[in-house]
Amino acid sequence: MNGELFRVAFRGITTGEYDLANTKERFQKLFRLQPEKVERLFSGKEFIIKDKVSEEVAMHFAIRLAEAGCECYIEALSADAIAFGGAEFKERRRTKRRIQFRRGPRQGAKVPDRRELVGRRKSDQPVPVETRRAAS
């Protein structure tokens, strides 16, 4: 093996061999997917089918997809792409992560001692100590 790694990508484009319903059915059987997942894969967005695989594995997947009636493409990954996780970095989060800030107690405030707090669990309740009077 020469050490080169490849990625198999799919955009939901068909070859035209089969009608769309038949192609989706063949794709579903090929990858053993639920119908909802197949509909999402055929939406037109780019999806990575296999990432960081050898050329033989990438060609195997491309041939299987072509037999099912789907077009896909194979791209070689550079050393930088492998080191940083992808060909180009894409921000997938919808919002920025919020920094949680909790202010400490005010200067000179009286902070209760948490060791004195009793929880609501039965195991947290103090055990009553019975005192026995010695029989005189």
C-alpha atoms as a PDB file:
ATOM      1  CA  MET A   1       0.000   0.000   0.000  1.00  0.00           C
ATOM      2  CA  ASN A   2       1.372   3.385  -0.952  1.00  0.00           C
ATOM      3  CA  GLY A   3      -0.123   5.211   2.044  1.00  0.00           C
ATOM      4  CA  GLU A   4      -2.440   7.453   0.033  1.00  0.00           C
ATOM      5  CA  LEU A   5      -5.915   7.821   1.487  1.00  0.00           C
ATOM      6  CA  PHE A   6      -9.157   8.582  -0.324  1.00  0.00           C
ATOM      7  CA  ARG A   7     -12.700   9.745   0.392  1.00  0.00           C
ATOM      8  CA  VAL A   8     -15.911   8.581  -1.334  1.00  0.00           C
ATOM      9  CA  ALA A   9     -18.548  11.337  -1.553  1.00  0.00           C
ATOM     10  CA  PHE A  10     -22.163  11.193  -2.732  1.00  0.00           C
ATOM     11  CA  ARG A  11     -24.532  14.026  -3.686  1.00  0.00           C
ATOM     12  CA  GLY A  12     -27.732  12.155  -4.508  1.00  0.00           C
ATOM     13  CA  ILE A  13     -27.247  12.254  -8.281  1.00  0.00           C
ATOM     14  CA  THR A  14     -28.385   9.211 -10.255  1.00  0.00           C
ATOM     15  CA  THR A  15     -26.839   7.756 -13.411  1.00  0.00           C
ATOM     16  CA  GLY A  16     -30.188   7.457 -15.175  1.00  0.00           C
ATOM     17  CA  GLU A  17     -30.003   3.669 -15.544  1.00  0.00           C
ATOM     18  CA  TYR A  18     -32.968   3.208 -13.243  1.00  0.00           C
ATOM     19  CA  ASP A  19     -35.837   5.457 -12.242  1.00  0.00           C
ATOM     20  CA  LEU A  20     -35.433   7.382  -8.980  1.00  0.00           C
ATOM     21  CA  ALA A  21     -37.619   5.075  -6.856  1.00  0.00           C
ATOM     22  CA  ASN A  22     -35.754   1.967  -8.032  1.00  0.00           C
ATOM     23  CA  THR A  23     -32.382   3.659  -7.433  1.00  0.00           C
ATOM     24  CA  LYS A  24     -33.383   4.623  -3.897  1.00  0.00           C
ATOM     25  CA  GLU A  25     -34.547   1.075  -3.225  1.00  0.00           C
ATOM     26  CA  ARG A  26     -31.251  -0.389  -4.492  1.00  0.00           C
ATOM     27  CA  PHE A  27     -29.284   2.157  -2.421  1.00  0.00           C
ATOM     28  CA  GLN A  28     -31.339   1.244   0.648  1.00  0.00           C
ATOM     29  CA  LYS A  29     -30.629  -2.464   0.196  1.00  0.00           C
ATOM     30  CA  LEU A  30     -26.935  -1.819  -0.466  1.00  0.00           C
ATOM     31  CA  PHE A  31     -26.355   0.038   2.817  1.00  0.00           C
ATOM     32  CA  ARG A  32     -29.262  -1.452   4.846  1.00  0.00           C
ATOM     33  CA  LEU A  33     -30.772   1.952   5.656  1.00  0.00           C
ATOM     34  CA  GLN A  34     -34.168   3.179   6.779  1.00  0.00           C
ATOM     35  CA  PRO A  35     -36.272   4.951   4.086  1.00  0.00           C
ATOM     36  CA  GLU A  36     -36.041   8.295   5.957  1.00  0.00           C
ATOM     37  CA  LYS A  37     -32.245   8.165   5.878  1.00  0.00           C
ATOM     38  CA  VAL A  38     -32.265   7.362   2.149  1.00  0.00           C
ATOM     39  CA  GLU A  39     -34.502  10.370   1.458  1.00  0.00           C
ATOM     40  CA  ARG A  40     -32.103  12.597   3.359  1.00  0.00           C
ATOM     41  CA  LEU A  41     -29.112  11.235   1.411  1.00  0.00           C
ATOM     42  CA  PHE A  42     -30.843  11.982  -1.900  1.00  0.00           C
ATOM     43  CA  SER A  43     -31.556  15.609  -0.910  1.00  0.00           C
ATOM     44  CA  GLY A  44     -28.698  17.016  -3.012  1.00  0.00           C
ATOM     45  CA  LYS A  45     -26.253  17.812  -0.218  1.00  0.00           C
ATOM     46  CA  GLU A  46     -22.819  16.244  -0.200  1.00  0.00           C
ATOM     47  CA  PHE A  47     -22.390  13.248   2.109  1.00  0.00           C
ATOM     48  CA  ILE A  48     -19.194  11.349   2.803  1.00  0.00           C
ATOM     49  CA  ILE A  49     -19.843   7.635   2.339  1.00  0.00           C
ATOM     50  CA  LYS A  50     -16.326   6.469   3.274  1.00  0.00           C
ATOM     51  CA  ASP A  51     -13.466   8.571   4.599  1.00  0.00           C
ATOM     52  CA  LYS A  52      -9.731   7.862   4.898  1.00  0.00           C
ATOM     53  CA  VAL A  53      -9.711   4.527   3.057  1.00  0.00           C
ATOM     54  CA  SER A  54      -7.283   2.938   0.614  1.00  0.00           C
ATOM     55  CA  GLU A  55      -7.751   3.206  -3.139  1.00  0.00           C
ATOM     56  CA  GLU A  56      -8.999  -0.389  -3.426  1.00  0.00           C
ATOM     57  CA  VAL A  57     -11.745   0.155  -0.840  1.00  0.00           C
ATOM     58  CA  ALA A  58     -12.737   3.484  -2.406  1.00  0.00           C
ATOM     59  CA  MET A  59     -13.011   1.897  -5.863  1.00  0.00           C
ATOM     60  CA  HIS A  60     -15.031  -0.981  -4.420  1.00  0.00           C
ATOM     61  CA  PHE A  61     -17.582   1.470  -2.986  1.00  0.00           C
ATOM     62  CA  ALA A  62     -17.676   3.511  -6.196  1.00  0.00           C
ATOM     63  CA  ILE A  63     -18.382   0.404  -8.282  1.00  0.00           C
ATOM     64  CA  ARG A  64     -21.119  -0.763  -5.893  1.00  0.00           C
ATOM     65  CA  LEU A  65     -22.757   2.685  -5.995  1.00  0.00           C
ATOM     66  CA  ALA A  66     -22.581   2.766  -9.785  1.00  0.00           C
ATOM     67  CA  GLU A  67     -24.223  -0.663  -9.947  1.00  0.00           C
ATOM     68  CA  ALA A  68     -27.026   0.677  -7.751  1.00  0.00           C
ATOM     69  CA  GLY A  69     -27.509   3.591 -10.180  1.00  0.00           C
ATOM     70  CA  CYS A  70     -25.844   6.392  -8.196  1.00  0.00           C
ATOM     71  CA  GLU A  71     -23.047   8.748  -9.164  1.00  0.00           C
ATOM     72  CA  CYS A  72     -20.286   9.345  -6.650  1.00  0.00           C
ATOM     73  CA  TYR A  73     -16.787  10.709  -6.770  1.00  0.00           C
ATOM     74  CA  ILE A  74     -13.506   9.808  -5.157  1.00  0.00           C
ATOM     75  CA  GLU A  75     -11.045  12.413  -3.967  1.00  0.00           C
ATOM     76  CA  ALA A  76      -7.517  11.918  -2.716  1.00  0.00           C
ATOM     77  CA  LEU A  77      -6.789  13.348   0.706  1.00  0.00           C
ATOM     78  CA  SER A  78      -3.635  15.360   1.216  1.00  0.00           C
ATOM     79  CA  ALA A  79      -1.405  15.002   4.269  1.00  0.00           C
ATOM     80  CA  ASP A  80      -2.757  18.294   5.675  1.00  0.00           C
ATOM     81  CA  ALA A  81      -6.338  17.136   5.200  1.00  0.00           C
ATOM     82  CA  ILE A  82      -5.614  13.914   7.053  1.00  0.00           C
ATOM     83  CA  ALA A  83      -3.845  15.746   9.877  1.00  0.00           C
ATOM     84  CA  PHE A  84      -6.627  18.323  10.356  1.00  0.00           C
ATOM     85  CA  GLY A  85      -9.575  16.016   9.759  1.00  0.00           C
ATOM     86  CA  GLY A  86     -10.786  17.016   6.310  1.00  0.00           C
ATOM     87  CA  ALA A  87     -10.045  18.682   2.994  1.00  0.00           C
ATOM     88  CA  GLU A  88     -11.578  21.916   4.197  1.00  0.00           C
ATOM     89  CA  PHE A  89     -12.821  22.773   7.640  1.00  0.00           C
ATOM     90  CA  LYS A  90     -16.574  23.284   7.886  1.00  0.00           C
ATOM     91  CA  GLU A  91     -18.243  24.746  10.948  1.00  0.00           C
ATOM     92  CA  ARG A  92     -21.107  22.350  11.677  1.00  0.00           C
ATOM     93  CA  ARG A  93     -22.460  23.985  14.823  1.00  0.00           C
ATOM     94  CA  ARG A  94     -25.419  26.268  14.346  1.00  0.00           C
ATOM     95  CA  THR A  95     -24.556  28.525  17.258  1.00  0.00           C
ATOM     96  CA  LYS A  96     -21.385  29.548  18.978  1.00  0.00           C
ATOM     97  CA  ARG A  97     -20.673  27.866  22.259  1.00  0.00           C
ATOM     98  CA  ARG A  98     -21.543  30.100  25.155  1.00  0.00           C
ATOM     99  CA  ILE A  99     -19.013  30.547  27.875  1.00  0.00           C
ATOM    100  CA  GLN A 100     -20.601  29.826  31.198  1.00  0.00           C
ATOM    101  CA  PHE A 101     -19.582  32.299  33.840  1.00  0.00           C
ATOM    102  CA  ARG A 102     -20.610  32.037  37.424  1.00  0.00           C
ATOM    103  CA  ARG A 103     -19.763  34.926  39.682  1.00  0.00           C
ATOM    104  CA  GLY A 104     -18.357  34.097  43.094  1.00  0.00           C
ATOM    105  CA  PRO A 105     -19.790  35.430  46.351  1.00  0.00           C
ATOM    106  CA  ARG A 106     -19.498  39.138  47.113  1.00  0.00           C
ATOM    107  CA  GLN A 107     -16.655  40.370  49.188  1.00  0.00           C
ATOM    108  CA  GLY A 108     -17.565  39.953  52.857  1.00  0.00           C
ATOM    109  CA  ALA A 109     -20.720  37.906  52.202  1.00  0.00           C
ATOM    110  CA  LYS A 110     -21.594  35.144  54.584  1.00  0.00           C
ATOM    111  CA  VAL A 111     -21.481  31.830  52.754  1.00  0.00           C
ATOM    112  CA  PRO A 112     -23.352  28.999  54.447  1.00  0.00           C
ATOM    113  CA  ASP A 113     -21.368  25.894  55.281  1.00  0.00           C
ATOM    114  CA  ARG A 114     -22.644  23.156  52.961  1.00  0.00           C
ATOM    115  CA  ARG A 115     -21.408  20.434  55.278  1.00  0.00           C
ATOM    116  CA  GLU A 116     -24.222  21.268  57.665  1.00  0.00           C
ATOM    117  CA  LEU A 117     -26.943  20.817  55.040  1.00  0.00           C
ATOM    118  CA  VAL A 118     -28.924  17.625  55.228  1.00  0.00           C
ATOM    119  CA  GLY A 119     -30.196  16.138  51.977  1.00  0.00           C
ATOM    120  CA  ARG A 120     -33.633  14.723  51.269  1.00  0.00           C
ATOM    121  CA  ARG A 121     -32.481  11.160  50.724  1.00  0.00           C
ATOM    122  CA  LYS A 122     -33.163   8.661  53.421  1.00  0.00           C
ATOM    123  CA  SER A 123     -29.487   7.811  53.670  1.00  0.00           C
ATOM    124  CA  ASP A 124     -28.673  11.489  54.338  1.00  0.00           C
ATOM    125  CA  GLN A 125     -30.951  11.768  57.344  1.00  0.00           C
ATOM    126  CA  PRO A 126     -29.279  11.624  60.729  1.00  0.00           C
ATOM    127  CA  VAL A 127     -29.756   8.339  62.538  1.00  0.00           C
ATOM    128  CA  PRO A 128     -31.407   8.786  65.940  1.00  0.00           C
ATOM    129  CA  VAL A 129     -29.375   7.355  68.760  1.00  0.00           C
ATOM    130  CA  GLU A 130     -31.427   5.587  71.374  1.00  0.00           C
ATOM    131  CA  THR A 131     -30.276   6.009  74.864  1.00  0.00           C
ATOM    132  CA  ARG A 132     -30.975   3.131  77.168  1.00  0.00           C
ATOM    133  CA  ARG A 133     -31.313   3.692  80.815  1.00  0.00           C
ATOM    134  CA  ALA A 134     -29.442   1.247  82.818  1.00  0.00           C
ATOM    135  CA  ALA A 135     -31.716  -0.864  84.921  1.00  0.00           C
ATOM    136  CA  SER A 136     -30.958  -0.026  88.465  1.00  0.00           C
END
